């Protein structure tokens, strides 16, 4: 990598750190290209991204961001899983680590809050932002549905009574 490429990589990482809600630091202990591709595809499907970076460039990119606490975790062959949804990257990384022994979670950060391995695993068990939105919409819609059912019930009873009178008159 020449100096211009390094500068561009640092600028891209810094912009990425400024936009994301969580960063999960992982260690790659000999992942094959196929395994890495599977991981990247799973991350992309969840709305997250996974990038292998040089440690020194990542440390430089951390300057001026909330994620400075992860600079101590950047040793050895690392990868950075990031997402704007605070749960997506952690969830995919934890699931992938369960099925692949060459991939381990080192830690991470959610804003200025540093997370250890257990913190990342706990974050992965939380519902995603989309699941929380669905629950809130369900809670908001439920009272309206109940009100509609209650207001329709007297009209339906009145219709049944009128229908019974009409059948009685016809007979």
Protein backbone atom coordinates (compact mmCIF):
# COMPACT_ATOMS: atom_id res chain seq x y z
CA UNK A 1 0.00 0.00 0.00
CA UNK A 2 1.36 3.40 -0.86
CA UNK A 3 0.77 6.53 1.19
CA UNK A 4 -2.27 7.69 -0.82
CA UNK A 5 -4.01 4.33 -0.41
CA UNK A 6 -3.30 4.34 3.33
CA UNK A 7 -4.71 7.88 3.65
CA UNK A 8 -7.84 6.85 1.75
CA UNK A 9 -8.25 3.73 3.92
CA UNK A 10 -7.89 5.75 7.13
CA UNK A 11 -10.41 8.36 5.89
CA UNK A 12 -12.90 5.63 4.97
CA UNK A 13 -12.51 3.89 8.34
CA UNK A 14 -12.86 7.20 10.21
CA UNK A 15 -16.05 8.05 8.29
CA UNK A 16 -17.37 4.55 8.99
CA UNK A 17 -16.64 4.88 12.74
CA UNK A 18 -18.48 8.21 12.79
CA UNK A 19 -21.64 6.69 11.24
CA UNK A 20 -22.02 3.33 13.01
CA UNK A 21 -23.76 2.40 16.25
CA UNK A 22 -21.55 -0.55 17.19
CA UNK A 23 -18.10 -1.93 16.36
CA UNK A 24 -17.28 -5.58 17.08
CA UNK A 25 -13.60 -6.52 17.01
CA UNK A 26 -12.96 -10.09 15.86
CA UNK A 27 -9.84 -12.19 15.45
CA UNK A 28 -9.34 -14.26 12.32
CA UNK A 29 -7.29 -17.36 12.97
CA UNK A 30 -7.05 -18.70 9.43
CA UNK A 31 -10.45 -18.19 7.84
CA UNK A 32 -10.61 -19.40 4.27
CA UNK A 33 -11.83 -17.13 1.50
CA UNK A 34 -15.09 -19.09 1.30
CA UNK A 35 -15.71 -18.74 5.04
CA UNK A 36 -14.91 -15.03 4.90
CA UNK A 37 -17.31 -14.61 1.97
CA UNK A 38 -20.07 -16.39 3.89
CA UNK A 39 -19.47 -14.08 6.86
CA UNK A 40 -19.54 -10.95 4.69
CA UNK A 41 -22.77 -12.08 3.01
CA UNK A 42 -24.43 -12.73 6.39
CA UNK A 43 -23.30 -9.31 7.59
CA UNK A 44 -24.61 -7.64 4.44
CA UNK A 45 -27.98 -9.42 4.78
CA UNK A 46 -28.28 -8.13 8.36
CA UNK A 47 -27.42 -4.56 7.39
CA UNK A 48 -23.89 -4.71 8.77
CA UNK A 49 -20.43 -4.77 7.24
CA UNK A 50 -17.23 -6.67 7.93
CA UNK A 51 -13.80 -5.32 7.08
CA UNK A 52 -10.32 -6.65 7.71
CA UNK A 53 -7.99 -3.77 8.45
CA UNK A 54 -4.40 -3.10 9.33
CA UNK A 55 -4.17 -2.44 13.05
CA UNK A 56 -2.09 0.72 12.75
CA UNK A 57 -4.45 2.26 10.18
CA UNK A 58 -7.47 1.38 12.32
CA UNK A 59 -5.84 3.00 15.38
CA UNK A 60 -5.21 6.18 13.39
CA UNK A 61 -8.82 6.15 12.14
CA UNK A 62 -10.12 5.82 15.72
CA UNK A 63 -8.74 9.25 16.64
CA UNK A 64 -11.57 11.74 17.06
CA UNK A 65 -14.30 9.10 17.30
CA UNK A 66 -16.22 7.60 20.22
CA UNK A 67 -14.59 4.21 19.63
CA UNK A 68 -11.12 5.03 20.97
CA UNK A 69 -11.60 2.43 23.71
CA UNK A 70 -11.12 -0.44 21.25
CA UNK A 71 -7.57 0.55 20.25
CA UNK A 72 -6.13 -1.85 22.85
CA UNK A 73 -8.02 -4.74 21.21
CA UNK A 74 -6.35 -4.17 17.84
CA UNK A 75 -3.58 -6.76 18.01
CA UNK A 76 -3.01 -9.65 15.66
CA UNK A 77 -5.16 -10.45 12.62
CA UNK A 78 -8.38 -8.56 13.35
CA UNK A 79 -11.58 -7.75 11.54
CA UNK A 80 -14.10 -5.04 12.31
CA UNK A 81 -17.82 -5.77 12.13
CA UNK A 82 -19.88 -2.57 12.12
CA UNK A 83 -23.53 -1.62 11.81
CA UNK A 84 -25.78 1.35 12.44
CA UNK A 85 -28.21 -0.97 14.24
CA UNK A 86 -26.49 -1.62 17.59
CA UNK A 87 -27.47 -5.31 17.54
CA UNK A 88 -27.02 -6.49 13.93
CA UNK A 89 -23.23 -6.81 13.74
CA UNK A 90 -22.97 -8.39 17.19
CA UNK A 91 -25.71 -10.91 16.42
CA UNK A 92 -24.13 -12.08 13.16
CA UNK A 93 -20.61 -12.21 14.65
CA UNK A 94 -21.73 -14.27 17.66
CA UNK A 95 -23.71 -16.69 15.48
CA UNK A 96 -20.77 -17.12 13.09
CA UNK A 97 -18.33 -17.65 15.99
CA UNK A 98 -20.53 -20.49 17.28
CA UNK A 99 -20.16 -22.40 14.02
CA UNK A 100 -16.53 -21.58 13.22
CA UNK A 101 -13.64 -22.19 15.60
CA UNK A 102 -11.23 -20.06 13.53
CA UNK A 103 -13.24 -16.93 14.27
CA UNK A 104 -13.34 -15.41 17.73
CA UNK A 105 -14.78 -12.25 19.22
CA UNK A 106 -12.27 -10.04 21.02
CA UNK A 107 -14.63 -7.30 22.18
CA UNK A 108 -16.16 -4.15 20.83
CA UNK A 109 -17.76 -0.84 21.60
CA UNK A 110 -21.14 0.77 21.39
CA UNK A 111 -20.40 4.46 21.20
CA UNK A 112 -18.06 5.43 24.03
CA UNK A 113 -18.97 2.26 25.98
CA UNK A 114 -16.38 -0.50 25.63
CA UNK A 115 -17.67 -4.07 25.53
CA UNK A 116 -15.85 -7.24 26.44
CA UNK A 117 -16.66 -10.63 24.89
CA UNK A 118 -19.57 -11.20 27.28
CA UNK A 119 -20.89 -7.71 26.58
CA UNK A 120 -20.94 -8.42 22.84
CA UNK A 121 -22.72 -11.74 23.46
CA UNK A 122 -25.28 -10.00 25.67
CA UNK A 123 -25.82 -7.37 22.99
CA UNK A 124 -26.40 -10.14 20.44
CA UNK A 125 -29.28 -11.55 22.49
CA UNK A 126 -31.24 -8.29 22.35
CA UNK A 127 -33.94 -7.88 19.70
CA UNK A 128 -32.91 -5.95 16.61
CA UNK A 129 -34.17 -2.47 15.82
CA UNK A 130 -36.66 -3.83 13.28
CA UNK A 131 -38.04 -6.34 15.82
CA UNK A 132 -38.49 -3.57 18.38
CA UNK A 133 -40.28 -1.40 15.82
CA UNK A 134 -42.62 -4.29 14.98
CA UNK A 135 -43.44 -4.78 18.67
CA UNK A 136 -44.18 -1.08 19.11
CA UNK A 137 -46.45 -1.04 16.06
CA UNK A 138 -48.24 -4.12 17.40
CA UNK A 139 -48.76 -2.44 20.74
CA UNK A 140 -50.10 0.70 19.07
CA UNK A 141 -52.44 -1.19 16.74
CA UNK A 142 -53.89 -3.53 19.39
CA UNK A 143 -56.03 -0.88 21.21
CA UNK A 144 -57.38 0.44 17.91
CA UNK A 145 -58.37 -3.08 16.88
CA UNK A 146 -60.12 -3.66 20.20
CA UNK A 147 -62.01 -0.36 19.90
CA UNK A 148 -63.14 -1.23 16.37
CA UNK A 149 -64.37 -4.62 17.58
CA UNK A 150 -66.25 -3.11 20.50
CA UNK A 151 -67.93 -0.43 18.40
CA UNK A 152 -69.01 -2.98 15.78
CA UNK A 153 -70.49 -5.39 18.34
CA UNK A 154 -73.69 -3.39 19.14
CA UNK A 155 -74.40 -2.84 15.44
CA UNK A 156 -74.00 -6.55 14.77
CA UNK A 157 -76.34 -7.40 17.65
CA UNK A 158 -78.91 -4.91 16.34
CA UNK A 159 -78.66 -6.44 12.87
CA UNK A 160 -79.23 -9.94 14.30
CA UNK A 161 -82.30 -8.73 16.23
CA UNK A 162 -83.77 -7.05 13.12
CA UNK A 163 -83.03 -10.16 11.08
CA UNK A 164 -84.82 -12.31 13.68
CA UNK A 165 -87.88 -10.00 13.58
CA UNK A 166 -87.86 -10.10 9.77
CA UNK A 167 -87.74 -13.90 9.79
CA UNK A 168 -90.53 -13.99 12.38
CA UNK A 169 -92.70 -11.68 10.25
CA UNK A 170 -92.04 -13.74 7.13
CA UNK A 171 -93.02 -16.97 8.87
